[in-house]
Amino acid sequence: MTVNRYLRLAAGFFVLLSVALSQLHSPYWLYFTAFVGLNLFQSAFTDWCPLMTILRKMGIKEG
């Protein structure tokens, strides 16, 4: 898998997890959902995301 695919996988997982936690634990988990969404939004314009840097340092290949 490539950096972009791992990024989408992680973002989807975090969104689903935070929505589930907001229903089971506290609605404040939706702030984490918003954080993930804002990161995806800004990465569409800048082509940079903190997770992309981490994945590249782990040796994941580029798309």
C-alpha atoms as a PDB file:
ATOM      1  CA  MET A   1       0.000   0.000   0.000  1.00  0.00           C
ATOM      2  CA  THR A   2       1.047   3.595  -0.533  1.00  0.00           C
ATOM      3  CA  VAL A   3       1.166   6.644   1.739  1.00  0.00           C
ATOM      4  CA  ASN A   4      -2.105   7.959   0.290  1.00  0.00           C
ATOM      5  CA  ARG A   5      -3.945   4.698   0.873  1.00  0.00           C
ATOM      6  CA  TYR A   6      -2.694   4.434   4.459  1.00  0.00           C
ATOM      7  CA  LEU A   7      -3.722   8.049   5.014  1.00  0.00           C
ATOM      8  CA  ARG A   8      -7.275   7.388   3.820  1.00  0.00           C
ATOM      9  CA  LEU A   9      -7.417   4.180   5.856  1.00  0.00           C
ATOM     10  CA  ALA A  10      -6.320   5.947   9.043  1.00  0.00           C
ATOM     11  CA  ALA A  11      -8.640   8.918   8.497  1.00  0.00           C
ATOM     12  CA  GLY A  12     -11.640   6.665   7.925  1.00  0.00           C
ATOM     13  CA  PHE A  13     -10.799   4.588  10.977  1.00  0.00           C
ATOM     14  CA  PHE A  14     -10.401   7.662  13.200  1.00  0.00           C
ATOM     15  CA  VAL A  15     -13.682   9.157  11.988  1.00  0.00           C
ATOM     16  CA  LEU A  16     -15.614   5.941  12.611  1.00  0.00           C
ATOM     17  CA  LEU A  17     -13.943   5.420  15.990  1.00  0.00           C
ATOM     18  CA  SER A  18     -14.624   8.957  17.184  1.00  0.00           C
ATOM     19  CA  VAL A  19     -18.275   8.813  16.062  1.00  0.00           C
ATOM     20  CA  ALA A  20     -18.707   5.533  17.930  1.00  0.00           C
ATOM     21  CA  LEU A  21     -17.026   6.976  21.029  1.00  0.00           C
ATOM     22  CA  SER A  22     -19.257  10.054  20.849  1.00  0.00           C
ATOM     23  CA  GLN A  23     -22.295   7.788  21.044  1.00  0.00           C
ATOM     24  CA  LEU A  24     -20.911   5.465  23.715  1.00  0.00           C
ATOM     25  CA  HIS A  25     -18.868   7.782  25.905  1.00  0.00           C
ATOM     26  CA  SER A  26     -19.061  11.547  25.332  1.00  0.00           C
ATOM     27  CA  PRO A  27     -20.197  13.868  22.539  1.00  0.00           C
ATOM     28  CA  TYR A  28     -16.894  15.744  22.895  1.00  0.00           C
ATOM     29  CA  TRP A  29     -15.311  13.025  20.744  1.00  0.00           C
ATOM     30  CA  LEU A  30     -16.915  14.777  17.769  1.00  0.00           C
ATOM     31  CA  TYR A  31     -14.223  17.452  18.126  1.00  0.00           C
ATOM     32  CA  PHE A  32     -11.717  14.776  17.132  1.00  0.00           C
ATOM     33  CA  THR A  33     -13.875  13.982  14.093  1.00  0.00           C
ATOM     34  CA  ALA A  34     -13.777  17.672  13.154  1.00  0.00           C
ATOM     35  CA  PHE A  35      -9.985  17.734  13.627  1.00  0.00           C
ATOM     36  CA  VAL A  36      -9.548  14.807  11.229  1.00  0.00           C
ATOM     37  CA  GLY A  37     -11.884  16.456   8.718  1.00  0.00           C
ATOM     38  CA  LEU A  38     -10.015  19.757   8.892  1.00  0.00           C
ATOM     39  CA  ASN A  39      -6.704  17.967   8.383  1.00  0.00           C
ATOM     40  CA  LEU A  40      -8.083  16.240   5.292  1.00  0.00           C
ATOM     41  CA  PHE A  41      -9.462  19.549   4.014  1.00  0.00           C
ATOM     42  CA  GLN A  42      -6.182  21.432   4.391  1.00  0.00           C
ATOM     43  CA  SER A  43      -4.189  18.542   2.932  1.00  0.00           C
ATOM     44  CA  ALA A  44      -6.251  18.782  -0.258  1.00  0.00           C
ATOM     45  CA  PHE A  45      -4.787  22.264  -0.811  1.00  0.00           C
ATOM     46  CA  THR A  46      -1.291  21.858   0.625  1.00  0.00           C
ATOM     47  CA  ASP A  47      -0.621  18.184  -0.202  1.00  0.00           C
ATOM     48  CA  TRP A  48       0.761  17.795   3.342  1.00  0.00           C
ATOM     49  CA  CYS A  49      -0.591  16.071   6.408  1.00  0.00           C
ATOM     50  CA  PRO A  50       1.257  15.218   9.650  1.00  0.00           C
ATOM     51  CA  LEU A  51       0.451  11.523   9.206  1.00  0.00           C
ATOM     52  CA  MET A  52       2.026  11.571   5.733  1.00  0.00           C
ATOM     53  CA  THR A  53       5.325  12.668   7.268  1.00  0.00           C
ATOM     54  CA  ILE A  54       5.148   9.881   9.841  1.00  0.00           C
ATOM     55  CA  LEU A  55       4.304   7.262   7.216  1.00  0.00           C
ATOM     56  CA  ARG A  56       7.182   8.373   4.982  1.00  0.00           C
ATOM     57  CA  LYS A  57       9.623   8.130   7.880  1.00  0.00           C
ATOM     58  CA  MET A  58       8.332   4.590   8.513  1.00  0.00           C
ATOM     59  CA  GLY A  59       9.390   3.718   4.970  1.00  0.00           C
ATOM     60  CA  ILE A  60       5.984   3.482   3.303  1.00  0.00           C
ATOM     61  CA  LYS A  61       6.347   4.018  -0.435  1.00  0.00           C
ATOM     62  CA  GLU A  62       4.892   6.997  -2.268  1.00  0.00           C
ATOM     63  CA  GLY A  63       1.878   6.699  -4.572  1.00  0.00           C
END
